[in-house]
N, C-alpha and C. Protein backbone atom coordinates (compact mmCIF):
# COMPACT_ATOMS: atom_id res chain seq x y z
N MET A 1 -134.16 -13.59 -165.50
CA MET A 1 -134.60 -14.68 -166.32
C MET A 1 -135.22 -15.79 -165.46
N SER A 2 -136.14 -16.49 -166.12
CA SER A 2 -136.81 -17.54 -165.43
C SER A 2 -136.05 -18.84 -165.13
N GLN A 3 -136.41 -19.46 -164.07
CA GLN A 3 -135.74 -20.74 -163.73
C GLN A 3 -136.53 -21.78 -164.61
N ILE A 4 -135.89 -22.71 -165.25
CA ILE A 4 -136.44 -23.73 -166.21
C ILE A 4 -136.04 -25.11 -165.75
N ARG A 5 -136.90 -26.00 -165.69
CA ARG A 5 -136.65 -27.51 -165.34
C ARG A 5 -136.55 -28.25 -166.71
N ILE A 6 -135.51 -29.08 -166.89
CA ILE A 6 -135.40 -29.87 -167.95
C ILE A 6 -135.23 -31.30 -167.44
N THR A 7 -135.79 -32.31 -168.16
CA THR A 7 -135.75 -33.69 -167.84
C THR A 7 -135.18 -34.47 -168.95
N LYS A 8 -134.35 -35.52 -168.51
CA LYS A 8 -133.73 -36.55 -169.39
C LYS A 8 -134.21 -37.82 -168.80
N GLN A 9 -134.53 -38.80 -169.68
CA GLN A 9 -134.87 -40.14 -169.32
C GLN A 9 -133.96 -41.26 -169.64
N PHE A 10 -133.70 -42.12 -168.94
CA PHE A 10 -132.84 -43.25 -169.10
C PHE A 10 -133.35 -44.53 -168.78
N SER A 11 -132.86 -45.71 -169.13
CA SER A 11 -133.30 -46.92 -168.92
C SER A 11 -132.06 -47.94 -168.72
N PHE A 12 -132.23 -48.78 -167.77
CA PHE A 12 -131.13 -49.89 -167.59
C PHE A 12 -131.76 -51.10 -166.90
N GLU A 13 -131.02 -52.20 -167.06
CA GLU A 13 -131.47 -53.38 -166.55
C GLU A 13 -130.57 -53.74 -165.32
N THR A 14 -131.29 -54.01 -164.15
CA THR A 14 -130.42 -54.33 -163.01
C THR A 14 -131.16 -55.41 -162.14
N GLY A 15 -130.36 -56.37 -161.68
CA GLY A 15 -130.79 -57.36 -160.73
C GLY A 15 -130.52 -56.95 -159.25
N HIS A 16 -131.36 -57.59 -158.34
CA HIS A 16 -131.07 -57.32 -156.89
C HIS A 16 -131.73 -58.45 -156.15
N ALA A 17 -131.49 -58.37 -154.88
CA ALA A 17 -132.33 -59.20 -153.85
C ALA A 17 -132.45 -58.45 -152.59
N LEU A 18 -133.42 -58.54 -151.86
CA LEU A 18 -133.65 -57.77 -150.60
C LEU A 18 -133.51 -58.84 -149.51
N TYR A 19 -132.27 -58.82 -148.87
CA TYR A 19 -132.01 -59.78 -147.70
C TYR A 19 -132.96 -59.52 -146.58
N GLY A 20 -133.61 -60.56 -146.06
CA GLY A 20 -134.53 -60.51 -144.83
C GLY A 20 -135.94 -59.99 -145.21
N TYR A 21 -136.20 -59.80 -146.57
CA TYR A 21 -137.48 -59.39 -146.90
C TYR A 21 -138.52 -60.46 -146.78
N ASP A 22 -139.74 -60.34 -146.49
CA ASP A 22 -140.69 -61.29 -146.32
C ASP A 22 -141.61 -61.60 -147.45
N GLY A 23 -141.11 -61.23 -148.63
CA GLY A 23 -141.87 -61.47 -149.85
C GLY A 23 -140.98 -62.05 -151.08
N LYS A 24 -141.49 -62.06 -152.16
CA LYS A 24 -140.73 -62.57 -153.34
C LYS A 24 -139.43 -61.87 -153.62
N CYS A 25 -139.37 -60.62 -153.30
CA CYS A 25 -138.15 -59.94 -153.62
C CYS A 25 -137.01 -60.29 -152.80
N LYS A 26 -137.10 -61.31 -151.87
CA LYS A 26 -135.96 -61.76 -151.28
C LYS A 26 -135.16 -62.57 -152.13
N ASN A 27 -135.77 -63.09 -153.33
CA ASN A 27 -135.00 -63.86 -154.29
C ASN A 27 -134.29 -62.85 -155.30
N VAL A 28 -133.31 -63.27 -155.93
CA VAL A 28 -132.49 -62.56 -156.86
C VAL A 28 -133.49 -62.41 -158.12
N HIS A 29 -133.70 -61.17 -158.53
CA HIS A 29 -134.63 -60.91 -159.60
C HIS A 29 -134.14 -59.59 -160.24
N GLY A 30 -134.70 -59.27 -161.41
CA GLY A 30 -134.26 -58.01 -161.98
C GLY A 30 -135.43 -57.20 -162.40
N HIS A 31 -135.15 -55.92 -162.78
CA HIS A 31 -136.07 -55.00 -163.23
C HIS A 31 -135.54 -54.16 -164.50
N SER A 32 -136.45 -53.77 -165.20
CA SER A 32 -136.10 -52.76 -166.35
C SER A 32 -136.38 -51.48 -165.80
N TYR A 33 -135.44 -50.83 -165.20
CA TYR A 33 -135.52 -49.58 -164.56
C TYR A 33 -135.65 -48.40 -165.59
N LYS A 34 -136.44 -47.44 -165.22
CA LYS A 34 -136.59 -46.13 -166.05
C LYS A 34 -136.23 -44.97 -164.98
N LEU A 35 -135.34 -44.23 -165.34
CA LEU A 35 -134.89 -43.14 -164.41
C LEU A 35 -135.09 -41.77 -165.10
N SER A 36 -135.85 -40.87 -164.56
CA SER A 36 -136.16 -39.56 -165.04
C SER A 36 -135.34 -38.55 -164.22
N VAL A 37 -134.51 -37.74 -164.82
CA VAL A 37 -133.63 -36.83 -164.01
C VAL A 37 -134.02 -35.40 -164.47
N THR A 38 -134.53 -34.68 -163.48
CA THR A 38 -134.91 -33.26 -163.73
C THR A 38 -133.97 -32.31 -163.00
N VAL A 39 -133.46 -31.38 -163.80
CA VAL A 39 -132.57 -30.39 -163.14
C VAL A 39 -133.23 -28.98 -163.39
N ILE A 40 -132.87 -28.01 -162.70
CA ILE A 40 -133.41 -26.67 -162.76
C ILE A 40 -132.28 -25.59 -162.84
N GLY A 41 -132.46 -24.67 -163.63
CA GLY A 41 -131.52 -23.58 -163.79
C GLY A 41 -131.95 -22.47 -164.71
N THR A 42 -131.10 -21.45 -164.86
CA THR A 42 -131.41 -20.32 -165.80
C THR A 42 -130.83 -20.64 -167.11
N PRO A 43 -131.42 -20.39 -168.25
CA PRO A 43 -130.81 -20.64 -169.50
C PRO A 43 -129.74 -19.61 -169.70
N ILE A 44 -128.70 -20.02 -170.47
CA ILE A 44 -127.58 -19.16 -170.74
C ILE A 44 -128.01 -17.94 -171.50
N THR A 45 -127.66 -16.74 -171.22
CA THR A 45 -128.13 -15.51 -171.91
C THR A 45 -126.98 -14.95 -172.83
N ASP A 46 -125.72 -15.50 -172.65
CA ASP A 46 -124.67 -14.97 -173.51
C ASP A 46 -124.75 -15.55 -174.90
N ASN A 47 -125.08 -14.61 -175.84
CA ASN A 47 -125.41 -15.14 -177.19
C ASN A 47 -124.07 -15.59 -177.94
N THR A 48 -122.93 -15.40 -177.25
CA THR A 48 -121.63 -15.92 -177.81
C THR A 48 -121.30 -17.27 -177.40
N ASN A 49 -122.08 -17.74 -176.41
CA ASN A 49 -121.87 -19.09 -175.70
C ASN A 49 -122.53 -20.12 -176.71
N VAL A 50 -121.81 -21.18 -176.98
CA VAL A 50 -122.42 -22.17 -177.86
C VAL A 50 -123.59 -22.91 -177.29
N LYS A 51 -123.75 -22.93 -175.93
CA LYS A 51 -124.89 -23.31 -175.17
C LYS A 51 -125.96 -22.24 -175.03
N PHE A 52 -125.90 -21.15 -175.65
CA PHE A 52 -126.88 -20.06 -175.58
C PHE A 52 -128.28 -20.56 -175.58
N GLY A 53 -129.10 -20.10 -174.54
CA GLY A 53 -130.50 -20.62 -174.51
C GLY A 53 -130.73 -21.89 -173.80
N MET A 54 -129.68 -22.59 -173.39
CA MET A 54 -129.84 -23.93 -172.66
C MET A 54 -129.65 -23.71 -171.18
N VAL A 55 -130.33 -24.51 -170.44
CA VAL A 55 -130.02 -24.63 -168.91
C VAL A 55 -128.64 -25.48 -168.79
N ILE A 56 -128.80 -26.62 -169.53
CA ILE A 56 -127.57 -27.45 -169.56
C ILE A 56 -127.81 -28.29 -170.91
N ASP A 57 -126.79 -28.59 -171.57
CA ASP A 57 -126.91 -29.36 -172.82
C ASP A 57 -127.46 -30.85 -172.44
N PHE A 58 -128.40 -31.25 -173.04
CA PHE A 58 -128.87 -32.61 -172.76
C PHE A 58 -127.80 -33.63 -172.80
N SER A 59 -126.88 -33.37 -173.85
CA SER A 59 -125.79 -34.31 -173.87
C SER A 59 -124.85 -34.36 -172.72
N ASP A 60 -124.65 -33.11 -172.06
CA ASP A 60 -123.83 -33.08 -170.87
C ASP A 60 -124.55 -33.74 -169.77
N LEU A 61 -125.75 -33.58 -169.62
CA LEU A 61 -126.58 -34.28 -168.63
C LEU A 61 -126.65 -35.78 -168.81
N LYS A 62 -126.67 -36.25 -170.06
CA LYS A 62 -126.58 -37.58 -170.38
C LYS A 62 -125.30 -38.22 -170.02
N LYS A 63 -124.14 -37.50 -170.24
CA LYS A 63 -122.90 -37.99 -169.93
C LYS A 63 -122.78 -38.20 -168.40
N ILE A 64 -123.27 -37.29 -167.62
CA ILE A 64 -123.19 -37.36 -166.17
C ILE A 64 -123.94 -38.67 -165.75
N VAL A 65 -125.14 -38.72 -166.18
CA VAL A 65 -125.96 -39.90 -165.72
C VAL A 65 -125.53 -41.21 -166.23
N ARG A 66 -125.08 -41.22 -167.45
CA ARG A 66 -124.61 -42.50 -167.97
C ARG A 66 -123.27 -42.96 -167.10
N GLU A 67 -122.42 -42.06 -166.91
CA GLU A 67 -121.10 -42.38 -166.24
C GLU A 67 -121.36 -42.74 -164.76
N GLU A 68 -122.21 -42.15 -164.10
CA GLU A 68 -122.54 -42.34 -162.67
C GLU A 68 -123.53 -43.47 -162.38
N ILE A 69 -124.50 -43.65 -163.17
CA ILE A 69 -125.62 -44.65 -163.01
C ILE A 69 -125.66 -45.67 -164.06
N VAL A 70 -126.12 -45.27 -165.21
CA VAL A 70 -126.41 -46.26 -166.27
C VAL A 70 -125.32 -47.25 -166.59
N ASP A 71 -124.06 -46.76 -166.89
CA ASP A 71 -123.01 -47.67 -167.22
C ASP A 71 -122.66 -48.49 -166.09
N VAL A 72 -122.89 -48.11 -164.86
CA VAL A 72 -122.48 -48.75 -163.70
C VAL A 72 -123.42 -49.79 -163.33
N PHE A 73 -124.68 -49.54 -163.28
CA PHE A 73 -125.75 -50.42 -162.89
C PHE A 73 -126.35 -51.21 -163.99
N ASP A 74 -126.28 -50.90 -165.25
CA ASP A 74 -126.85 -51.75 -166.30
C ASP A 74 -126.18 -53.13 -166.31
N HIS A 75 -127.09 -54.02 -166.28
CA HIS A 75 -126.74 -55.53 -166.31
C HIS A 75 -125.88 -55.92 -165.20
N ALA A 76 -126.01 -55.31 -163.98
CA ALA A 76 -125.28 -55.63 -162.78
C ALA A 76 -126.32 -56.25 -161.79
N THR A 77 -125.81 -56.93 -160.81
CA THR A 77 -126.60 -57.36 -159.74
C THR A 77 -126.29 -56.67 -158.43
N VAL A 78 -127.17 -56.00 -157.79
CA VAL A 78 -126.81 -55.24 -156.54
C VAL A 78 -127.24 -55.98 -155.35
N PHE A 79 -126.39 -56.03 -154.39
CA PHE A 79 -126.59 -56.57 -153.02
C PHE A 79 -126.11 -55.65 -151.95
N ASN A 80 -126.70 -55.86 -150.81
CA ASN A 80 -126.32 -55.09 -149.54
C ASN A 80 -125.05 -55.80 -149.05
N GLN A 81 -123.98 -55.01 -148.96
CA GLN A 81 -122.67 -55.58 -148.43
C GLN A 81 -122.67 -56.02 -147.01
N ASN A 82 -123.81 -55.54 -146.25
CA ASN A 82 -123.76 -55.91 -144.81
C ASN A 82 -124.70 -57.09 -144.52
N THR A 83 -124.92 -57.89 -145.50
CA THR A 83 -125.82 -59.07 -145.25
C THR A 83 -124.93 -60.34 -145.78
N PRO A 84 -125.58 -61.50 -145.51
CA PRO A 84 -124.94 -62.73 -145.99
C PRO A 84 -124.96 -62.79 -147.60
N HIS A 85 -125.77 -61.94 -148.23
CA HIS A 85 -125.69 -61.90 -149.70
C HIS A 85 -124.20 -61.69 -150.12
N VAL A 86 -123.32 -61.29 -149.27
CA VAL A 86 -122.00 -60.91 -149.84
C VAL A 86 -121.30 -62.18 -150.25
N GLU A 87 -121.64 -63.31 -149.55
CA GLU A 87 -121.08 -64.71 -150.10
C GLU A 87 -121.59 -65.00 -151.41
N LEU A 88 -122.85 -64.76 -151.69
CA LEU A 88 -123.33 -64.88 -153.07
C LEU A 88 -122.65 -63.94 -154.09
N ALA A 89 -122.55 -62.72 -153.71
CA ALA A 89 -121.88 -61.79 -154.61
C ALA A 89 -120.50 -62.15 -154.77
N ASN A 90 -119.77 -62.59 -153.91
CA ASN A 90 -118.41 -63.04 -154.10
C ASN A 90 -118.33 -64.31 -155.17
N GLU A 91 -119.23 -65.22 -154.93
CA GLU A 91 -119.30 -66.36 -155.83
C GLU A 91 -119.63 -65.82 -157.31
N LEU A 92 -120.49 -64.97 -157.43
CA LEU A 92 -120.93 -64.49 -158.75
C LEU A 92 -119.75 -63.68 -159.44
N LYS A 93 -119.04 -62.93 -158.54
CA LYS A 93 -117.92 -62.16 -159.11
C LYS A 93 -116.82 -63.05 -159.63
N ASN A 94 -116.56 -64.11 -158.70
CA ASN A 94 -115.66 -65.18 -159.13
C ASN A 94 -115.98 -65.85 -160.57
N ARG A 95 -117.14 -65.77 -160.84
CA ARG A 95 -117.62 -66.46 -162.03
C ARG A 95 -117.74 -65.47 -163.22
N GLY A 96 -117.30 -64.24 -162.95
CA GLY A 96 -117.24 -63.16 -164.04
C GLY A 96 -118.44 -62.28 -164.17
N HIS A 97 -119.37 -62.34 -163.12
CA HIS A 97 -120.53 -61.52 -163.11
C HIS A 97 -120.33 -60.12 -162.62
N HIS A 98 -121.03 -59.18 -163.09
CA HIS A 98 -120.85 -57.76 -162.73
C HIS A 98 -121.79 -57.61 -161.45
N VAL A 99 -121.22 -57.47 -160.21
CA VAL A 99 -121.95 -57.29 -159.04
C VAL A 99 -121.47 -55.99 -158.38
N ILE A 100 -122.50 -55.31 -157.82
CA ILE A 100 -122.32 -54.10 -157.07
C ILE A 100 -122.72 -54.24 -155.61
N LEU A 101 -121.82 -53.99 -154.79
CA LEU A 101 -122.11 -54.13 -153.25
C LEU A 101 -122.32 -52.68 -152.69
N VAL A 102 -123.45 -52.51 -152.08
CA VAL A 102 -123.80 -51.13 -151.52
C VAL A 102 -124.02 -51.27 -150.12
N ASP A 103 -123.97 -50.13 -149.32
CA ASP A 103 -124.11 -50.26 -147.88
C ASP A 103 -125.52 -49.94 -147.50
N TYR A 104 -126.48 -50.17 -148.33
CA TYR A 104 -127.89 -50.10 -148.12
C TYR A 104 -128.71 -51.25 -148.70
N GLN A 105 -129.98 -51.43 -148.17
CA GLN A 105 -130.86 -52.33 -148.79
C GLN A 105 -131.19 -51.85 -150.21
N PRO A 106 -130.98 -52.52 -151.29
CA PRO A 106 -131.09 -52.04 -152.68
C PRO A 106 -132.52 -51.89 -153.11
N THR A 107 -133.34 -51.24 -152.37
CA THR A 107 -134.67 -50.88 -152.76
C THR A 107 -134.71 -49.67 -153.68
N SER A 108 -135.80 -49.48 -154.38
CA SER A 108 -135.74 -48.24 -155.30
C SER A 108 -135.68 -47.04 -154.51
N GLU A 109 -136.20 -46.96 -153.23
CA GLU A 109 -136.18 -45.78 -152.39
C GLU A 109 -134.72 -45.43 -152.14
N ASN A 110 -133.91 -46.53 -151.66
CA ASN A 110 -132.56 -46.30 -151.33
C ASN A 110 -131.76 -45.94 -152.56
N MET A 111 -132.00 -46.62 -153.69
CA MET A 111 -131.18 -46.37 -154.95
C MET A 111 -131.42 -44.98 -155.43
N VAL A 112 -132.53 -44.50 -155.27
CA VAL A 112 -132.83 -43.13 -155.78
C VAL A 112 -132.16 -42.11 -154.98
N VAL A 113 -131.97 -42.36 -153.70
CA VAL A 113 -131.13 -41.42 -152.78
C VAL A 113 -129.69 -41.52 -153.17
N ASP A 114 -129.19 -42.73 -153.28
CA ASP A 114 -127.81 -42.90 -153.91
C ASP A 114 -127.48 -42.19 -155.18
N PHE A 115 -128.43 -42.29 -156.08
CA PHE A 115 -128.29 -41.74 -157.40
C PHE A 115 -128.33 -40.23 -157.30
N ALA A 116 -129.13 -39.67 -156.57
CA ALA A 116 -129.38 -38.18 -156.32
C ALA A 116 -127.94 -37.64 -155.87
N LYS A 117 -127.33 -38.30 -154.90
CA LYS A 117 -126.03 -37.90 -154.41
C LYS A 117 -124.98 -37.91 -155.55
N LYS A 118 -124.87 -38.95 -156.35
CA LYS A 118 -124.01 -39.15 -157.44
C LYS A 118 -124.06 -38.02 -158.42
N ILE A 119 -125.36 -37.86 -158.74
CA ILE A 119 -125.66 -36.83 -159.79
C ILE A 119 -125.30 -35.36 -159.30
N GLN A 120 -125.78 -35.02 -158.13
CA GLN A 120 -125.52 -33.77 -157.52
C GLN A 120 -124.10 -33.48 -157.52
N ASP A 121 -123.26 -34.37 -157.27
CA ASP A 121 -121.75 -34.13 -157.10
C ASP A 121 -121.17 -33.74 -158.47
N ARG A 122 -121.81 -34.16 -159.52
CA ARG A 122 -121.28 -33.88 -160.84
C ARG A 122 -121.82 -32.76 -161.59
N LEU A 123 -122.97 -32.19 -161.19
CA LEU A 123 -123.56 -31.10 -161.81
C LEU A 123 -122.80 -29.76 -161.72
N PRO A 124 -122.82 -28.88 -162.71
CA PRO A 124 -122.16 -27.65 -162.60
C PRO A 124 -122.80 -26.82 -161.50
N LYS A 125 -122.09 -25.92 -160.92
CA LYS A 125 -122.51 -25.17 -159.68
C LYS A 125 -123.84 -24.39 -159.93
N ASP A 126 -124.08 -23.96 -161.08
CA ASP A 126 -125.26 -23.12 -161.31
C ASP A 126 -126.51 -23.90 -161.79
N ILE A 127 -126.39 -25.31 -161.76
CA ILE A 127 -127.46 -26.22 -162.11
C ILE A 127 -127.76 -26.99 -160.88
N GLN A 128 -129.03 -27.08 -160.49
CA GLN A 128 -129.50 -27.80 -159.29
C GLN A 128 -130.21 -29.13 -159.77
N LEU A 129 -130.10 -30.22 -158.99
CA LEU A 129 -131.01 -31.33 -159.19
C LEU A 129 -132.29 -31.04 -158.57
N HIS A 130 -133.31 -31.11 -159.32
CA HIS A 130 -134.57 -30.88 -158.86
C HIS A 130 -135.41 -32.10 -158.38
N SER A 131 -135.31 -33.18 -159.15
CA SER A 131 -135.94 -34.40 -158.79
C SER A 131 -135.48 -35.59 -159.63
N LEU A 132 -135.68 -36.79 -159.07
CA LEU A 132 -135.45 -38.04 -159.72
C LEU A 132 -136.68 -38.95 -159.55
N LYS A 133 -137.05 -39.74 -160.55
CA LYS A 133 -138.09 -40.67 -160.47
C LYS A 133 -137.39 -42.02 -160.93
N LEU A 134 -137.44 -43.00 -160.12
CA LEU A 134 -136.85 -44.22 -160.48
C LEU A 134 -138.07 -45.28 -160.55
N GLN A 135 -138.31 -45.73 -161.70
CA GLN A 135 -139.46 -46.58 -161.94
C GLN A 135 -138.91 -48.08 -162.08
N GLU A 136 -139.32 -48.98 -161.23
CA GLU A 136 -138.83 -50.41 -161.28
C GLU A 136 -139.83 -51.20 -162.08
N THR A 137 -141.02 -50.94 -162.02
CA THR A 137 -142.03 -51.62 -162.78
C THR A 137 -142.96 -50.65 -163.37
N GLU A 138 -143.85 -51.09 -164.29
CA GLU A 138 -144.79 -50.23 -164.88
C GLU A 138 -145.70 -49.42 -163.97
N SER A 139 -145.82 -49.89 -162.72
CA SER A 139 -146.79 -49.30 -161.73
C SER A 139 -146.11 -48.92 -160.38
N SER A 140 -144.78 -49.08 -160.42
CA SER A 140 -144.14 -48.81 -159.06
C SER A 140 -142.85 -48.01 -159.28
N PHE A 141 -142.68 -46.91 -158.45
CA PHE A 141 -141.63 -46.14 -158.54
C PHE A 141 -141.32 -45.32 -157.32
N ALA A 142 -140.12 -44.81 -157.14
CA ALA A 142 -139.84 -44.07 -155.99
C ALA A 142 -139.28 -42.60 -156.59
N GLU A 143 -139.55 -41.66 -155.76
CA GLU A 143 -139.33 -40.18 -156.30
C GLU A 143 -138.51 -39.52 -155.12
N TRP A 144 -137.50 -38.73 -155.66
CA TRP A 144 -136.71 -37.91 -154.83
C TRP A 144 -136.81 -36.55 -155.28
N TYR A 145 -137.04 -35.55 -154.37
CA TYR A 145 -137.20 -34.11 -154.64
C TYR A 145 -136.27 -33.32 -153.70
N ALA A 146 -135.44 -32.43 -154.36
CA ALA A 146 -134.57 -31.55 -153.60
C ALA A 146 -135.32 -30.88 -152.55
N SER A 147 -136.51 -30.33 -152.83
CA SER A 147 -137.25 -29.56 -151.76
C SER A 147 -137.62 -30.39 -150.56
N ASP A 148 -137.60 -31.71 -150.65
CA ASP A 148 -137.89 -32.51 -149.58
C ASP A 148 -136.72 -32.97 -148.64
N ASN A 149 -135.56 -32.51 -149.24
CA ASN A 149 -134.24 -32.89 -148.65
C ASN A 149 -133.30 -31.77 -148.37
N LEU A 150 -133.82 -30.59 -147.96
CA LEU A 150 -133.15 -29.43 -147.61
C LEU A 150 -132.42 -29.66 -146.36
């Protein structure tokens, strides 16, 4: 049977700041992110299976991505934990804000790598993550492809 790619799209709002950056993104700001998740697999051929004909149920993929990415990052502010931004992060946390500290500069490039690992760890063994596209503005995005990361 053929390998088929399916894609599910998500959106979430996240703030961040790029410590040490020489442009406007050094300031705390936010984006309306759009995340496209593409997986590849063989549709189920067992006609007694309730998922017959599906690579993965879109609702199952949605559950994984929501739990690992959307519900975690939506309306959060992300800072690199290895920078002085940790002081600002702690102050915001003390005031009840949702802050995520990561061990990388929170660029779209690094976030998409982080997201790929989180999603891959949750997919069923017969389904492979094919690609991710993380769009931070209407004209700017980062892409991750499994074939580039063998």
